[in-house]
């Protein structure tokens, strides 16, 4: 337990999000800046971090127990077992939680992944947090919002780009995700003398 509260694998990061980063938040490395050595100061390597979001594919880190002010610096960790801030609920052992776009904390939905709960949540900390074993150190593919459309046909259908077409009928699907998502066939059904093909968006964004 002490290890989780006192992680060891740390880097000093600079907050470039434009917001204050709360304690034990999920952050993403966006770039690394090298400041050349001078006659009075040795070479410096600065790790810049931002809030989790689609398209930010850098290493995932968890900040320490103190707020990192906007443009300020502080420690962030990549230990496998670590306490992380959560939104609501009490994680049960073995549940998979994960970051979500535009949030500092872990959440539990069918789309989120990457952190396996150890089943304990602190009730007296701000922010509320729980201990997790992380299953990745880089951002997984974000799950785009689902959208679908149907096209009726008595023969097979084909798809090109973001438009869906079939013999005798056509349909289109809209991409409501934040980044370019892959459109796939999600279901096929027969009825009313025709074949109904439903399209949706798959995992895999940016």
Protein backbone atom coordinates (compact mmCIF):
# COMPACT_ATOMS: atom_id res chain seq x y z
CA UNK A 1 0.00 0.00 0.00
CA UNK A 2 2.81 2.39 0.82
CA UNK A 3 4.30 1.74 -2.62
CA UNK A 4 1.10 2.80 -4.35
CA UNK A 5 0.94 6.05 -2.37
CA UNK A 6 4.63 6.67 -2.97
CA UNK A 7 5.34 5.71 -6.59
CA UNK A 8 8.98 5.63 -7.65
CA UNK A 9 9.14 5.94 -11.45
CA UNK A 10 8.87 9.69 -11.88
CA UNK A 11 9.68 12.49 -14.29
CA UNK A 12 9.33 16.21 -13.73
CA UNK A 13 6.70 17.57 -16.10
CA UNK A 14 5.59 21.01 -17.27
CA UNK A 15 1.84 21.61 -17.40
CA UNK A 16 1.00 23.01 -20.86
CA UNK A 17 -2.76 22.35 -20.65
CA UNK A 18 -3.66 25.92 -19.72
CA UNK A 19 -5.46 24.57 -16.64
CA UNK A 20 -4.42 23.53 -13.15
CA UNK A 21 -3.88 19.77 -12.94
CA UNK A 22 -5.56 18.27 -9.83
CA UNK A 23 -3.74 15.69 -7.68
CA UNK A 24 -3.33 12.14 -9.04
CA UNK A 25 -4.60 13.06 -12.51
CA UNK A 26 -4.17 11.32 -15.85
CA UNK A 27 -1.91 13.34 -18.17
CA UNK A 28 -0.44 12.70 -21.62
CA UNK A 29 3.08 13.59 -22.75
CA UNK A 30 2.83 15.91 -25.75
CA UNK A 31 6.49 16.81 -26.34
CA UNK A 32 9.93 16.91 -24.82
CA UNK A 33 11.95 20.12 -24.95
CA UNK A 34 15.71 20.24 -24.58
CA UNK A 35 17.20 23.41 -23.10
CA UNK A 36 20.89 23.63 -24.03
CA UNK A 37 23.51 23.98 -21.33
CA UNK A 38 24.94 27.39 -20.53
CA UNK A 39 27.94 28.53 -18.58
CA UNK A 40 25.82 28.68 -15.43
CA UNK A 41 23.32 25.86 -15.95
CA UNK A 42 23.50 22.27 -17.14
CA UNK A 43 21.42 20.85 -19.98
CA UNK A 44 17.73 20.44 -19.13
CA UNK A 45 15.12 18.09 -20.59
CA UNK A 46 11.55 19.24 -20.04
CA UNK A 47 8.60 16.83 -20.43
CA UNK A 48 5.43 18.68 -21.43
CA UNK A 49 2.04 17.20 -20.50
CA UNK A 50 -1.58 17.95 -21.34
CA UNK A 51 -5.02 16.61 -20.47
CA UNK A 52 -6.01 13.23 -21.90
CA UNK A 53 -7.78 13.45 -25.25
CA UNK A 54 -8.24 11.85 -28.63
CA UNK A 55 -5.25 12.40 -30.87
CA UNK A 56 -2.74 12.79 -28.04
CA UNK A 57 -0.77 9.60 -28.45
CA UNK A 58 2.07 10.16 -25.99
CA UNK A 59 2.90 8.27 -22.81
CA UNK A 60 0.26 8.25 -20.08
CA UNK A 61 1.43 9.46 -16.67
CA UNK A 62 -0.29 9.95 -13.30
CA UNK A 63 0.55 13.08 -11.36
CA UNK A 64 1.45 13.16 -7.67
CA UNK A 65 -0.49 14.23 -4.61
CA UNK A 66 -0.30 17.99 -5.26
CA UNK A 67 -1.89 20.32 -7.82
CA UNK A 68 0.34 21.35 -10.73
CA UNK A 69 -0.51 24.92 -11.66
CA UNK A 70 -0.89 26.01 -15.28
CA UNK A 71 2.60 26.40 -16.79
CA UNK A 72 4.01 25.03 -13.54
CA UNK A 73 6.08 21.92 -12.92
CA UNK A 74 5.66 18.85 -10.75
CA UNK A 75 6.20 15.09 -10.64
CA UNK A 76 4.29 12.56 -12.71
CA UNK A 77 4.66 8.80 -12.53
CA UNK A 78 4.54 5.75 -14.75
CA UNK A 79 4.54 3.05 -12.06
CA UNK A 80 2.36 0.05 -12.89
CA UNK A 81 0.50 0.11 -9.56
CA UNK A 82 -0.63 3.57 -8.58
CA UNK A 83 -3.46 5.55 -6.99
CA UNK A 84 -5.49 7.53 -9.54
CA UNK A 85 -8.37 10.01 -9.12
CA UNK A 86 -11.79 8.61 -10.14
CA UNK A 87 -15.13 10.19 -10.98
CA UNK A 88 -17.90 8.38 -9.11
CA UNK A 89 -18.65 4.94 -7.78
CA UNK A 90 -16.53 2.39 -5.94
CA UNK A 91 -14.29 0.26 -8.16
CA UNK A 92 -14.67 -3.48 -7.65
CA UNK A 93 -11.66 -5.77 -7.87
CA UNK A 94 -10.92 -6.70 -11.47
CA UNK A 95 -13.03 -4.00 -13.09
CA UNK A 96 -11.45 -2.13 -15.97
CA UNK A 97 -11.52 1.65 -15.81
CA UNK A 98 -9.86 4.17 -18.07
CA UNK A 99 -9.36 7.80 -19.03
CA UNK A 100 -11.87 9.67 -21.15
CA UNK A 101 -11.53 12.65 -23.47
CA UNK A 102 -11.27 15.98 -21.67
CA UNK A 103 -11.06 14.52 -18.16
CA UNK A 104 -8.34 14.27 -15.54
CA UNK A 105 -9.88 11.23 -13.80
CA UNK A 106 -10.60 7.59 -14.54
CA UNK A 107 -14.14 6.53 -15.30
CA UNK A 108 -15.96 3.20 -15.66
CA UNK A 109 -17.82 2.70 -18.92
CA UNK A 110 -17.75 -0.02 -21.52
CA UNK A 111 -15.57 2.19 -23.72
CA UNK A 112 -12.82 3.00 -21.21
CA UNK A 113 -9.88 0.71 -20.58
CA UNK A 114 -6.31 0.50 -19.43
CA UNK A 115 -6.50 0.41 -15.61
CA UNK A 116 -7.55 -2.69 -13.62
CA UNK A 117 -9.06 -1.85 -10.22
CA UNK A 118 -7.69 -3.42 -7.06
CA UNK A 119 -11.10 -2.98 -5.45
CA UNK A 120 -10.36 -0.23 -2.95
CA UNK A 121 -11.52 3.39 -3.08
CA UNK A 122 -10.54 6.02 -0.54
CA UNK A 123 -13.57 7.78 0.93
CA UNK A 124 -11.72 10.61 2.68
CA UNK A 125 -9.45 12.01 0.00
CA UNK A 126 -9.97 14.91 -2.39
CA UNK A 127 -10.09 14.02 -5.19
CA UNK A 128 -11.58 10.60 -4.62
CA UNK A 129 -9.18 7.92 -5.81
CA UNK A 130 -8.53 4.20 -5.99
CA UNK A 131 -5.59 1.90 -6.56
CA UNK A 132 -5.17 0.48 -10.05
CA UNK A 133 -2.78 -1.74 -11.97
CA UNK A 134 -2.23 -0.11 -15.34
CA UNK A 135 -2.20 -2.28 -18.45
CA UNK A 136 -0.66 0.27 -20.83
CA UNK A 137 1.79 3.15 -20.75
CA UNK A 138 0.71 4.73 -24.03
CA UNK A 139 -2.72 5.95 -25.00
CA UNK A 140 -5.03 3.27 -26.41
CA UNK A 141 -7.23 3.98 -29.38
CA UNK A 142 -10.12 6.17 -28.29
CA UNK A 143 -13.61 4.88 -28.85
CA UNK A 144 -15.57 7.16 -31.11
CA UNK A 145 -19.20 7.95 -30.49
CA UNK A 146 -21.42 5.48 -32.23
CA UNK A 147 -23.51 6.49 -35.18
CA UNK A 148 -25.23 4.32 -37.70
CA UNK A 149 -27.34 4.31 -40.80
CA UNK A 150 -29.15 1.64 -42.71
CA UNK A 151 -29.44 0.76 -46.36
CA UNK A 152 -31.98 -1.73 -47.71
CA UNK A 153 -31.06 -4.04 -50.56
CA UNK A 154 -31.56 -7.57 -51.79
CA UNK A 155 -27.88 -7.91 -52.64
CA UNK A 156 -24.53 -7.27 -50.96
CA UNK A 157 -23.40 -3.76 -50.16
CA UNK A 158 -20.11 -1.91 -50.47
CA UNK A 159 -18.63 0.98 -48.55
CA UNK A 160 -16.15 3.63 -49.56
CA UNK A 161 -14.95 6.41 -47.30
CA UNK A 162 -17.73 7.74 -45.12
CA UNK A 163 -20.62 6.90 -47.50
CA UNK A 164 -22.35 3.54 -47.58
CA UNK A 165 -23.93 2.25 -50.77
CA UNK A 166 -25.74 -0.87 -51.92
CA UNK A 167 -27.47 -2.09 -55.03
CA UNK A 168 -30.80 -0.34 -55.41
CA UNK A 169 -30.47 1.86 -52.35
CA UNK A 170 -27.93 4.01 -50.59
CA UNK A 171 -27.30 5.42 -47.18
CA UNK A 172 -24.70 7.48 -45.39
CA UNK A 173 -23.09 7.48 -41.99
CA UNK A 174 -21.81 10.46 -40.04
CA UNK A 175 -18.60 10.47 -38.07
CA UNK A 176 -19.41 12.04 -34.71
CA UNK A 177 -16.09 11.11 -33.11
CA UNK A 178 -13.39 13.66 -32.44
CA UNK A 179 -11.02 12.09 -34.96
CA UNK A 180 -11.23 10.02 -38.12
CA UNK A 181 -12.91 6.79 -37.11
CA UNK A 182 -13.35 3.60 -39.11
CA UNK A 183 -16.88 2.87 -40.30
CA UNK A 184 -17.86 -0.82 -40.28
CA UNK A 185 -20.91 -3.02 -40.73
CA UNK A 186 -22.41 -3.59 -37.28
CA UNK A 187 -25.42 -5.75 -38.20
CA UNK A 188 -27.23 -7.34 -41.11
CA UNK A 189 -30.88 -8.38 -40.99
CA UNK A 190 -33.57 -9.61 -43.36
CA UNK A 191 -37.07 -8.21 -43.40
CA UNK A 192 -39.76 -6.68 -45.59
CA UNK A 193 -38.36 -8.43 -48.61
CA UNK A 194 -34.94 -6.83 -48.33
CA UNK A 195 -31.60 -6.88 -46.60
CA UNK A 196 -30.91 -4.15 -44.03
CA UNK A 197 -27.27 -3.30 -43.39
CA UNK A 198 -26.45 -1.10 -40.38
CA UNK A 199 -23.19 0.79 -40.21
CA UNK A 200 -21.41 2.14 -37.15
CA UNK A 201 -18.03 3.34 -35.99
CA UNK A 202 -15.36 1.00 -34.69
CA UNK A 203 -12.59 1.42 -32.18
CA UNK A 204 -9.54 3.06 -33.61
CA UNK A 205 -9.25 6.81 -33.62
CA UNK A 206 -6.22 8.79 -34.74
